[in-house]
Amino acid sequence: ILSEKARQNVEKTGKFGLSCELLALEMAEKLREEGKEPTTWRMRRFEKIDGKNTRVRFQHVGLPGLKPFMNHSICIHDGLVYDPLMGKDPIPIKEYQSRAFEKGKGPNQRTRFK
């Protein structure tokens, strides 16, 4: 799903340089064209800081060198997660959190969009 240019950008700057939200929507559209009914999700991480629920950055491990970010978007269909940072093959939803994020430091909130 990722272009070589995007991978090089991560290696050089630590930033993805593409909108994971747009990529998730694009994947969902492709699945709809196949007659499937995917959903798209925005993920965030919150932690209690000084007694307040505060949104914090989290680290995705799918692309080495990527800096932590505040949001990440994915497409889900039939128990599989389509994540542009994890390559072209979908990941079973039960395995996704442990494969895509540092243990105990991944997103802890998921909101459906579009």
Protein backbone atom coordinates (compact mmCIF):
# COMPACT_ATOMS: atom_id res chain seq x y z
CA ILE A 1 0.00 0.00 0.00
CA LEU A 2 2.85 2.38 0.79
CA SER A 3 4.93 3.82 -1.98
CA GLU A 4 8.71 3.66 -1.90
CA LYS A 5 8.70 7.47 -1.71
CA ALA A 6 6.68 7.34 1.52
CA ARG A 7 9.10 4.81 3.05
CA GLN A 8 12.06 7.00 2.11
CA ASN A 9 10.34 10.01 3.67
CA VAL A 10 9.98 8.13 6.97
CA GLU A 11 13.64 7.10 6.88
CA LYS A 12 14.72 10.69 6.19
CA THR A 13 12.34 12.72 8.41
CA GLY A 14 10.64 10.27 10.77
CA LYS A 15 7.27 11.43 9.39
CA PHE A 16 4.82 9.42 7.33
CA GLY A 17 4.05 12.26 4.89
CA LEU A 18 0.69 10.77 3.85
CA SER A 19 -2.72 10.85 5.46
CA CYS A 20 -3.47 7.49 7.05
CA GLU A 21 -7.10 8.65 7.22
CA LEU A 22 -7.25 9.09 3.45
CA LEU A 23 -5.51 5.74 2.94
CA ALA A 24 -8.02 4.03 5.25
CA LEU A 25 -10.91 5.62 3.32
CA GLU A 26 -9.33 4.55 0.03
CA MET A 27 -8.99 0.96 1.24
CA ALA A 28 -12.61 0.99 2.44
CA GLU A 29 -13.75 2.21 -0.97
CA LYS A 30 -11.85 -0.60 -2.72
CA LEU A 31 -13.48 -3.16 -0.43
CA ARG A 32 -16.94 -1.64 -1.08
CA GLU A 33 -16.32 -1.98 -4.81
CA GLU A 34 -15.87 -5.71 -4.11
CA GLY A 35 -19.29 -5.78 -2.42
CA LYS A 36 -17.92 -5.75 1.14
CA GLU A 37 -18.96 -3.53 4.06
CA PRO A 38 -15.80 -2.24 5.81
CA THR A 39 -15.62 0.35 8.58
CA THR A 40 -13.00 3.02 9.14
CA TRP A 41 -11.65 3.92 12.56
CA ARG A 42 -9.58 6.70 14.09
CA MET A 43 -7.45 5.65 17.04
CA ARG A 44 -6.04 7.76 19.87
CA ARG A 45 -4.33 7.24 23.21
CA PHE A 46 -5.37 8.87 26.47
CA GLU A 47 -3.59 8.81 29.82
CA LYS A 48 -4.40 10.31 33.21
CA ILE A 49 -2.05 13.25 33.73
CA ASP A 50 -2.55 15.43 36.80
CA GLY A 51 -5.99 13.85 37.22
CA LYS A 52 -7.10 14.77 33.69
CA ASN A 53 -7.72 12.42 30.78
CA THR A 54 -5.12 13.74 28.32
CA ARG A 55 -4.49 12.71 24.72
CA VAL A 56 -0.87 11.65 24.24
CA ARG A 57 1.33 10.49 21.38
CA PHE A 58 1.79 6.77 20.74
CA GLN A 59 4.37 4.79 18.81
CA HIS A 60 3.50 2.66 15.79
CA VAL A 61 6.14 0.02 15.07
CA GLY A 62 5.12 -0.89 11.53
CA LEU A 63 7.64 1.43 9.91
CA PRO A 64 11.05 1.76 11.56
CA GLY A 65 12.03 5.36 12.24
CA LEU A 66 8.47 6.69 12.41
CA LYS A 67 7.96 9.36 15.06
CA PRO A 68 5.07 8.96 17.57
CA PHE A 69 1.76 10.49 16.56
CA MET A 70 -1.56 11.62 18.04
CA ASN A 71 -3.99 9.79 15.70
CA HIS A 72 -3.95 6.81 13.43
CA SER A 73 -6.65 5.57 11.05
CA ILE A 74 -7.37 2.06 9.83
CA CYS A 75 -9.94 0.11 7.85
CA ILE A 76 -11.58 -3.01 9.31
CA HIS A 77 -13.54 -5.72 7.53
CA ASP A 78 -14.52 -9.23 8.54
CA GLY A 79 -12.22 -9.34 11.57
CA LEU A 80 -9.20 -8.06 9.62
CA VAL A 81 -7.36 -4.74 10.00
CA TYR A 82 -6.02 -2.98 6.92
CA ASP A 83 -3.26 -0.65 8.10
CA PRO A 84 -1.11 1.08 5.46
CA LEU A 85 1.85 1.14 7.87
CA MET A 86 1.80 -2.64 8.33
CA GLY A 87 2.12 -3.62 4.68
CA LYS A 88 -0.28 -4.98 2.10
CA ASP A 89 -1.63 -7.97 4.03
CA PRO A 90 -4.43 -7.44 6.55
CA ILE A 91 -3.88 -8.49 10.17
CA PRO A 92 -6.42 -10.38 12.32
CA ILE A 93 -7.96 -7.85 14.69
CA LYS A 94 -7.00 -9.95 17.73
CA GLU A 95 -3.31 -9.67 16.77
CA TYR A 96 -3.29 -6.08 15.56
CA GLN A 97 -2.60 -4.16 18.78
CA SER A 98 0.35 -6.37 19.76
CA ARG A 99 1.88 -6.32 16.28
CA ALA A 100 1.43 -2.64 15.44
CA PHE A 101 2.25 -0.84 18.71
CA GLU A 102 4.67 -0.92 21.61
CA LYS A 103 3.27 -3.16 24.35
CA GLY A 104 0.97 -1.19 26.63
CA LYS A 105 1.57 2.04 24.72
CA GLY A 106 -0.75 1.78 21.75
CA PRO A 107 -4.07 3.51 21.25
CA ASN A 108 -6.78 2.93 23.85
CA GLN A 109 -9.66 4.70 22.14
CA ARG A 110 -11.22 3.91 18.77
CA THR A 111 -13.84 6.07 17.05
CA ARG A 112 -15.67 5.07 13.89
CA PHE A 113 -15.78 7.65 11.10
CA LYS A 114 -17.27 7.87 7.60
